[in-house]
N, C-alpha and C. Protein backbone atom coordinates (compact mmCIF):
# COMPACT_ATOMS: atom_id res chain seq x y z
N MET A 1 33.47 2.64 -7.71
CA MET A 1 32.59 3.46 -8.45
C MET A 1 32.04 4.31 -7.28
N ASN A 2 31.90 5.62 -7.43
CA ASN A 2 31.38 6.53 -6.82
C ASN A 2 29.88 6.73 -6.94
N PHE A 3 29.04 7.16 -5.97
CA PHE A 3 27.77 7.25 -5.97
C PHE A 3 27.10 7.93 -7.24
N THR A 4 27.70 8.90 -7.94
CA THR A 4 27.20 9.48 -9.06
C THR A 4 27.09 8.34 -10.09
N GLN A 5 28.25 7.66 -10.28
CA GLN A 5 28.50 6.55 -11.32
C GLN A 5 27.31 5.52 -11.13
N ARG A 6 27.23 5.20 -9.66
CA ARG A 6 26.37 3.86 -9.39
C ARG A 6 24.82 4.46 -9.80
N LEU A 7 24.59 5.79 -9.38
CA LEU A 7 23.04 6.27 -9.65
C LEU A 7 22.88 6.25 -11.06
N LEU A 8 23.83 6.72 -11.84
CA LEU A 8 23.74 6.83 -13.31
C LEU A 8 23.53 5.63 -13.93
N THR A 9 24.30 4.56 -13.56
CA THR A 9 24.27 3.19 -14.00
C THR A 9 23.06 2.40 -13.38
N GLY A 10 22.56 2.71 -12.29
CA GLY A 10 21.52 2.02 -11.67
C GLY A 10 20.29 2.51 -12.08
N CYS A 11 19.89 3.81 -11.22
CA CYS A 11 18.57 4.47 -11.56
C CYS A 11 18.61 4.98 -13.12
N GLY A 12 19.77 5.25 -13.56
CA GLY A 12 19.86 5.73 -14.84
C GLY A 12 19.26 4.55 -15.84
N SER A 13 19.89 3.46 -15.54
CA SER A 13 19.48 2.31 -16.39
C SER A 13 17.96 2.03 -16.37
N LEU A 14 17.35 2.12 -15.32
CA LEU A 14 16.09 1.92 -15.00
C LEU A 14 15.17 3.01 -15.82
N ALA A 15 15.81 4.18 -15.87
CA ALA A 15 15.22 5.33 -16.61
C ALA A 15 15.27 5.17 -18.04
N LEU A 16 16.47 4.68 -18.55
CA LEU A 16 16.50 4.59 -20.03
C LEU A 16 15.78 3.04 -20.38
N ALA A 17 15.75 2.17 -19.58
CA ALA A 17 15.05 0.98 -20.04
C ALA A 17 13.69 1.40 -20.05
N SER A 18 13.11 2.34 -19.50
CA SER A 18 11.75 2.53 -19.37
C SER A 18 11.46 3.84 -20.58
N GLY A 19 12.57 4.40 -21.00
CA GLY A 19 12.16 5.59 -21.78
C GLY A 19 11.91 6.77 -20.99
N MET A 20 12.08 6.81 -19.90
CA MET A 20 11.86 7.92 -18.84
C MET A 20 13.06 8.76 -18.59
N ALA A 21 12.59 10.23 -18.72
CA ALA A 21 13.59 11.11 -18.32
C ALA A 21 13.43 11.40 -16.77
N VAL A 22 14.55 11.24 -15.89
CA VAL A 22 14.62 11.30 -14.48
C VAL A 22 14.93 12.77 -14.10
N SER A 23 14.06 13.36 -13.57
CA SER A 23 14.22 14.67 -13.06
C SER A 23 13.96 14.85 -11.50
N VAL A 24 14.55 15.63 -10.70
CA VAL A 24 14.32 15.76 -9.38
C VAL A 24 13.17 16.84 -9.19
N THR A 25 12.14 16.62 -9.06
CA THR A 25 10.91 17.57 -8.67
C THR A 25 10.22 17.25 -7.44
N PRO A 26 10.23 18.42 -6.54
CA PRO A 26 9.51 18.16 -5.32
C PRO A 26 8.01 18.16 -5.62
N GLU A 27 7.23 17.26 -4.95
CA GLU A 27 5.80 17.19 -5.21
C GLU A 27 5.35 17.01 -3.72
N ALA A 28 3.96 17.08 -3.50
CA ALA A 28 3.28 17.04 -2.40
C ALA A 28 3.44 15.45 -2.20
N SER A 29 3.61 15.18 -0.85
CA SER A 29 3.63 13.76 -0.32
C SER A 29 2.05 13.07 -0.40
N ALA A 30 1.94 12.11 -0.66
CA ALA A 30 0.61 11.30 -0.56
C ALA A 30 0.67 10.53 0.94
N ALA A 31 -0.40 10.23 1.46
CA ALA A 31 -0.48 9.73 2.62
C ALA A 31 0.11 8.18 2.63
N SER A 32 0.73 7.89 3.68
CA SER A 32 1.48 6.62 3.58
C SER A 32 0.44 5.48 3.61
N THR A 33 0.81 4.18 3.37
CA THR A 33 -0.07 3.07 3.18
C THR A 33 0.50 1.92 4.15
N THR A 34 -0.21 0.93 4.45
CA THR A 34 0.04 -0.13 5.26
C THR A 34 0.03 -1.33 4.37
N VAL A 35 1.00 -2.14 4.21
CA VAL A 35 1.04 -3.41 3.47
C VAL A 35 1.46 -4.57 4.47
N SER A 36 0.44 -5.59 4.57
CA SER A 36 0.66 -6.48 5.38
C SER A 36 1.43 -7.68 5.13
N THR A 37 1.74 -7.78 3.64
CA THR A 37 2.49 -8.96 3.37
C THR A 37 3.98 -8.57 3.04
N THR A 38 4.59 -9.43 4.12
CA THR A 38 6.00 -9.39 3.98
C THR A 38 6.56 -10.75 4.13
N SER A 39 7.31 -11.39 3.14
CA SER A 39 7.63 -12.64 3.15
C SER A 39 9.10 -12.75 3.57
N THR A 40 9.25 -13.47 4.80
CA THR A 40 10.62 -13.52 5.54
C THR A 40 11.69 -14.33 4.36
N ALA A 41 10.83 -15.41 3.86
CA ALA A 41 11.73 -16.33 2.86
C ALA A 41 12.30 -15.39 1.71
N ALA A 42 11.40 -14.43 1.25
CA ALA A 42 11.70 -13.72 0.10
C ALA A 42 12.72 -12.88 0.33
N TYR A 43 12.60 -12.13 1.81
CA TYR A 43 13.65 -11.04 2.07
C TYR A 43 14.97 -11.74 2.28
N ALA A 44 15.22 -12.93 2.70
CA ALA A 44 16.18 -13.70 2.97
C ALA A 44 16.98 -14.04 1.72
N ALA A 45 16.01 -14.35 0.65
CA ALA A 45 16.55 -14.71 -0.63
C ALA A 45 16.93 -13.59 -1.34
N GLY A 46 16.97 -12.34 -0.86
CA GLY A 46 17.40 -11.25 -1.49
C GLY A 46 16.37 -10.61 -2.47
N GLU A 47 15.05 -10.87 -2.28
CA GLU A 47 14.09 -10.35 -3.25
C GLU A 47 13.80 -8.85 -2.79
N PHE A 48 13.90 -8.51 -1.51
CA PHE A 48 13.51 -7.01 -0.98
C PHE A 48 14.86 -6.38 -0.78
N GLN A 49 15.17 -5.43 -1.84
CA GLN A 49 16.26 -4.64 -1.77
C GLN A 49 15.93 -3.28 -2.46
N CYS A 50 16.85 -2.37 -2.51
CA CYS A 50 16.66 -1.35 -3.31
C CYS A 50 16.83 -1.60 -4.64
N GLY A 51 15.92 -1.34 -5.74
CA GLY A 51 16.21 -1.85 -7.12
C GLY A 51 15.57 -3.21 -7.49
N PRO A 52 15.33 -3.67 -8.52
CA PRO A 52 14.69 -5.06 -8.87
C PRO A 52 15.83 -5.99 -8.60
N ASN A 53 15.08 -7.28 -8.49
CA ASN A 53 16.08 -8.33 -7.92
C ASN A 53 16.80 -9.12 -9.40
N ASN A 54 17.59 -8.01 -9.84
CA ASN A 54 18.34 -8.64 -10.81
C ASN A 54 19.70 -7.80 -10.88
N TRP A 55 20.45 -7.71 -11.88
CA TRP A 55 21.75 -6.99 -11.91
C TRP A 55 21.57 -5.54 -11.54
N ILE A 56 20.47 -4.91 -11.90
CA ILE A 56 20.12 -3.50 -11.67
C ILE A 56 20.05 -3.21 -10.22
N GLY A 57 19.41 -4.11 -9.48
CA GLY A 57 19.22 -4.02 -8.06
C GLY A 57 20.59 -3.81 -7.30
N ARG A 58 21.53 -4.71 -7.84
CA ARG A 58 22.99 -4.42 -7.22
C ARG A 58 23.68 -3.27 -7.45
N LEU A 59 23.25 -2.40 -8.25
CA LEU A 59 23.67 -1.16 -8.69
C LEU A 59 23.26 -0.06 -7.69
N VAL A 60 22.06 -0.34 -7.08
CA VAL A 60 21.36 0.84 -6.56
C VAL A 60 21.59 0.69 -4.98
N PRO A 61 22.29 1.56 -4.48
CA PRO A 61 22.58 1.49 -2.86
C PRO A 61 21.49 1.87 -2.02
N GLU A 62 21.46 1.18 -0.86
CA GLU A 62 20.28 1.32 0.14
C GLU A 62 20.85 2.55 1.01
N ASN A 63 22.06 2.69 1.06
CA ASN A 63 22.44 3.91 1.92
C ASN A 63 23.47 4.92 1.11
N PRO A 64 22.85 5.71 0.33
CA PRO A 64 23.78 6.23 -0.80
C PRO A 64 24.42 7.49 -0.01
N PRO A 65 25.78 7.80 -0.49
CA PRO A 65 26.23 8.92 0.05
C PRO A 65 25.56 10.40 0.00
N GLY A 66 25.36 11.02 1.01
CA GLY A 66 24.37 12.13 0.99
C GLY A 66 23.10 12.01 1.24
N GLY A 67 22.90 10.46 1.43
CA GLY A 67 21.26 10.20 1.57
C GLY A 67 21.24 9.68 2.96
N ALA A 68 20.16 8.92 3.22
CA ALA A 68 20.10 8.18 4.49
C ALA A 68 19.87 6.72 4.20
N ASN A 69 19.69 5.95 5.27
CA ASN A 69 19.50 4.53 5.04
C ASN A 69 18.20 4.30 4.45
N PHE A 70 18.00 3.73 3.25
CA PHE A 70 16.72 3.58 2.73
C PHE A 70 16.24 2.21 2.76
N HIS A 71 16.74 1.31 3.46
CA HIS A 71 16.64 0.06 3.43
C HIS A 71 15.25 -0.23 3.93
N TYR A 72 14.68 0.11 4.97
CA TYR A 72 13.29 0.02 5.31
C TYR A 72 12.40 0.41 4.28
N ALA A 73 12.58 1.62 3.74
CA ALA A 73 11.75 2.03 2.53
C ALA A 73 11.63 1.05 1.51
N CYS A 74 12.85 0.49 1.11
CA CYS A 74 13.03 -0.25 0.04
C CYS A 74 12.28 -1.76 0.23
N VAL A 75 12.43 -2.14 1.53
CA VAL A 75 11.81 -3.40 1.93
C VAL A 75 10.36 -3.39 1.96
N ARG A 76 9.64 -2.12 2.32
CA ARG A 76 8.20 -2.10 2.32
C ARG A 76 7.62 -1.78 0.91
N HIS A 77 8.70 -1.28 0.20
CA HIS A 77 8.19 -0.88 -1.21
C HIS A 77 8.17 -2.20 -2.03
N ASP A 78 9.06 -3.06 -1.82
CA ASP A 78 9.07 -4.29 -2.49
C ASP A 78 7.89 -5.27 -2.07
N ALA A 79 7.55 -5.16 -0.77
CA ALA A 79 6.46 -5.72 -0.29
C ALA A 79 5.08 -5.19 -1.03
N CYS A 80 5.03 -4.17 -1.07
CA CYS A 80 3.81 -3.35 -1.66
C CYS A 80 3.82 -3.80 -3.10
N TYR A 81 4.90 -4.04 -3.80
CA TYR A 81 4.90 -4.55 -5.24
C TYR A 81 4.53 -6.10 -5.29
N SER A 82 4.70 -6.80 -4.37
CA SER A 82 4.53 -8.19 -4.40
C SER A 82 3.18 -8.78 -4.79
N ALA A 83 3.19 -10.08 -4.99
CA ALA A 83 1.97 -10.73 -5.45
C ALA A 83 0.83 -10.71 -4.59
N GLY A 84 1.02 -10.53 -3.11
CA GLY A 84 -0.16 -10.59 -2.09
C GLY A 84 -0.81 -9.10 -2.00
N SER A 85 0.01 -8.14 -2.58
CA SER A 85 -0.51 -6.46 -2.34
C SER A 85 -1.88 -6.35 -3.04
N THR A 86 -2.73 -5.48 -2.53
CA THR A 86 -3.90 -5.05 -3.34
C THR A 86 -3.68 -3.58 -3.39
N THR A 87 -2.60 -2.93 -2.93
CA THR A 87 -2.26 -1.68 -3.01
C THR A 87 -2.22 -1.15 -4.37
N SER A 88 -2.43 0.16 -5.05
CA SER A 88 -2.07 0.46 -6.23
C SER A 88 -0.60 0.72 -6.49
N ARG A 89 0.08 0.79 -7.48
CA ARG A 89 1.32 1.05 -7.63
C ARG A 89 1.80 2.55 -7.28
N ALA A 90 0.85 3.49 -7.74
CA ALA A 90 1.18 4.78 -7.35
C ALA A 90 1.07 5.04 -5.97
N THR A 91 0.16 4.47 -5.23
CA THR A 91 0.15 4.62 -3.77
C THR A 91 1.51 3.92 -3.17
N CYS A 92 1.92 2.72 -3.73
CA CYS A 92 3.15 1.99 -3.07
C CYS A 92 4.48 2.98 -3.35
N ASP A 93 4.33 3.76 -4.45
CA ASP A 93 5.50 4.72 -4.86
C ASP A 93 5.50 5.89 -3.99
N SER A 94 4.29 6.43 -3.66
CA SER A 94 4.12 7.51 -2.83
C SER A 94 4.44 7.18 -1.47
N ALA A 95 4.24 5.95 -0.96
CA ALA A 95 4.52 5.70 0.37
C ALA A 95 6.29 5.56 0.39
N PHE A 96 6.81 4.97 -0.45
CA PHE A 96 8.17 4.69 -0.75
C PHE A 96 8.97 6.02 -0.55
N ARG A 97 8.31 7.10 -1.30
CA ARG A 97 9.01 8.44 -1.31
C ARG A 97 8.94 9.05 0.19
N ASN A 98 7.52 8.77 0.93
CA ASN A 98 7.42 9.25 2.04
C ASN A 98 8.29 8.66 3.28
N ARG A 99 8.58 7.38 3.03
CA ARG A 99 9.45 6.53 3.95
C ARG A 99 10.78 7.06 3.75
N MET A 100 11.29 7.43 2.58
CA MET A 100 12.67 7.80 2.21
C MET A 100 12.88 9.19 2.92
N TYR A 101 11.84 10.21 2.60
CA TYR A 101 11.84 11.43 3.32
C TYR A 101 12.02 11.33 4.89
N ASN A 102 11.17 10.38 5.46
CA ASN A 102 11.14 10.12 6.85
C ASN A 102 12.55 9.59 7.38
N ALA A 103 13.29 8.88 6.38
CA ALA A 103 14.72 8.42 6.81
C ALA A 103 15.48 9.60 6.83
N CYS A 104 15.51 10.37 5.76
CA CYS A 104 16.06 11.60 5.72
C CYS A 104 16.12 12.59 6.85
N THR A 105 14.82 12.78 7.33
CA THR A 105 14.55 13.71 8.68
C THR A 105 15.13 13.01 9.81
N ALA A 106 14.90 11.66 9.91
CA ALA A 106 15.42 10.79 11.09
C ALA A 106 16.93 10.94 11.21
N ALA A 107 17.65 10.91 10.22
CA ALA A 107 19.06 10.94 10.06
C ALA A 107 19.69 12.22 10.21
N GLY A 108 18.70 13.25 10.13
CA GLY A 108 19.21 14.84 10.35
C GLY A 108 19.83 15.19 8.90
N LYS A 109 19.33 14.69 7.80
CA LYS A 109 19.84 15.03 6.34
C LYS A 109 18.78 15.96 5.84
N GLY A 110 19.35 16.75 4.98
CA GLY A 110 18.43 17.86 4.63
C GLY A 110 18.07 17.62 3.10
N ALA A 111 17.95 18.81 2.37
CA ALA A 111 17.57 18.80 0.94
C ALA A 111 18.23 17.97 -0.01
N THR A 112 19.56 17.69 -0.03
CA THR A 112 20.50 16.82 -0.56
C THR A 112 19.67 15.33 -0.50
N CYS A 113 19.45 15.04 0.64
CA CYS A 113 18.91 13.51 0.90
C CYS A 113 17.45 13.56 0.30
N LYS A 114 16.69 14.53 0.43
CA LYS A 114 15.48 14.43 -0.30
C LYS A 114 15.55 14.42 -1.71
N ARG A 115 16.51 14.96 -2.27
CA ARG A 115 16.73 14.94 -3.91
C ARG A 115 17.03 13.58 -4.15
N ILE A 116 17.97 12.89 -3.47
CA ILE A 116 18.18 11.35 -3.81
C ILE A 116 16.86 10.64 -3.81
N ALA A 117 16.14 10.95 -2.68
CA ALA A 117 15.07 10.20 -2.54
C ALA A 117 13.95 10.47 -3.75
N ASP A 118 14.01 11.64 -4.24
CA ASP A 118 13.28 11.92 -5.30
C ASP A 118 13.79 11.21 -6.55
N VAL A 119 15.04 11.18 -6.81
CA VAL A 119 15.54 10.24 -7.87
C VAL A 119 15.11 8.98 -7.93
N TYR A 120 15.14 8.41 -6.77
CA TYR A 120 14.69 6.73 -6.52
C TYR A 120 13.22 6.86 -6.92
N TYR A 121 12.35 7.78 -6.23
CA TYR A 121 11.01 7.69 -6.54
C TYR A 121 10.76 7.97 -8.15
N TRP A 122 11.26 8.81 -8.71
CA TRP A 122 10.95 8.74 -10.33
C TRP A 122 11.45 7.64 -11.06
N ALA A 123 12.57 6.95 -10.29
CA ALA A 123 12.98 5.70 -11.16
C ALA A 123 11.93 4.63 -11.07
N VAL A 124 11.23 4.68 -9.76
CA VAL A 124 10.28 3.58 -9.73
C VAL A 124 8.98 4.04 -10.46
N ARG A 125 8.67 5.40 -10.36
CA ARG A 125 7.49 5.66 -11.11
C ARG A 125 7.70 5.46 -12.69
N GLY A 126 8.89 5.60 -13.32
CA GLY A 126 9.11 5.38 -14.58
C GLY A 126 9.25 3.92 -15.23
N ALA A 127 9.75 3.04 -14.30
CA ALA A 127 10.12 1.57 -14.76
C ALA A 127 9.40 0.66 -13.70
N GLY A 128 8.67 1.14 -12.59
CA GLY A 128 8.05 0.17 -11.85
C GLY A 128 7.08 -0.70 -12.45
N ARG A 129 6.35 -0.29 -13.57
CA ARG A 129 5.13 -1.02 -14.07
C ARG A 129 5.66 -2.35 -14.62
N PHE A 130 6.94 -2.50 -14.80
CA PHE A 130 7.63 -3.74 -15.33
C PHE A 130 7.61 -4.61 -14.44
N TYR A 131 7.77 -4.22 -13.00
CA TYR A 131 8.09 -5.08 -11.85
C TYR A 131 6.88 -5.07 -10.90
N TYR A 132 5.92 -4.59 -11.01
CA TYR A 132 4.67 -4.43 -10.10
C TYR A 132 3.77 -5.74 -10.28
N LYS A 133 3.92 -6.66 -9.19
CA LYS A 133 3.12 -7.97 -9.30
C LYS A 133 1.76 -8.00 -8.42
N GLY A 134 1.52 -6.86 -7.76
CA GLY A 134 0.15 -6.76 -7.03
C GLY A 134 -1.05 -6.69 -7.82
N SER A 135 -2.03 -6.95 -7.13
CA SER A 135 -3.45 -7.01 -7.79
C SER A 135 -3.97 -5.75 -7.98
N GLY A 136 -3.44 -4.70 -7.31
CA GLY A 136 -3.93 -3.28 -7.42
C GLY A 136 -3.78 -2.69 -8.86
N LEU A 137 -4.34 -1.46 -9.02
CA LEU A 137 -4.12 -0.69 -10.26
C LEU A 137 -2.62 -0.44 -10.57
N ASN A 138 -2.12 -1.01 -11.63
CA ASN A 138 -0.77 -0.78 -12.00
C ASN A 138 -0.59 0.75 -12.61
N ASN A 139 -0.72 1.55 -11.97
CA ASN A 139 -0.88 2.93 -12.39
C ASN A 139 0.61 3.76 -12.24
């Protein structure tokens, strides 16, 4: 399965499940946030990955062709969404996009990589409300 097919079945499924239209629109980045709750056991169990911890998550690549390695951004985003987090969902999602943009820059990737990061960002903005477990605002 090529990247486009995986993206359409992975993030596209998230978008369809939430009734969201995915578009790639550059926006100003919000300040990054720090989340101190990372569960090693949860990470080892596969709970921290790109995409939700279900069949959809297996369709979302952490290192998509044309993109960069988004593993760190995904792990931090999952930690931000976890039960111990007090960070709002919107702040978690903005930090997620910033980390993916930083991964693109560090890998020497350009606009294509950032467009892929935007697709991931808009997928979590559209469907993330179903997966957010933190005590912050689920916005």
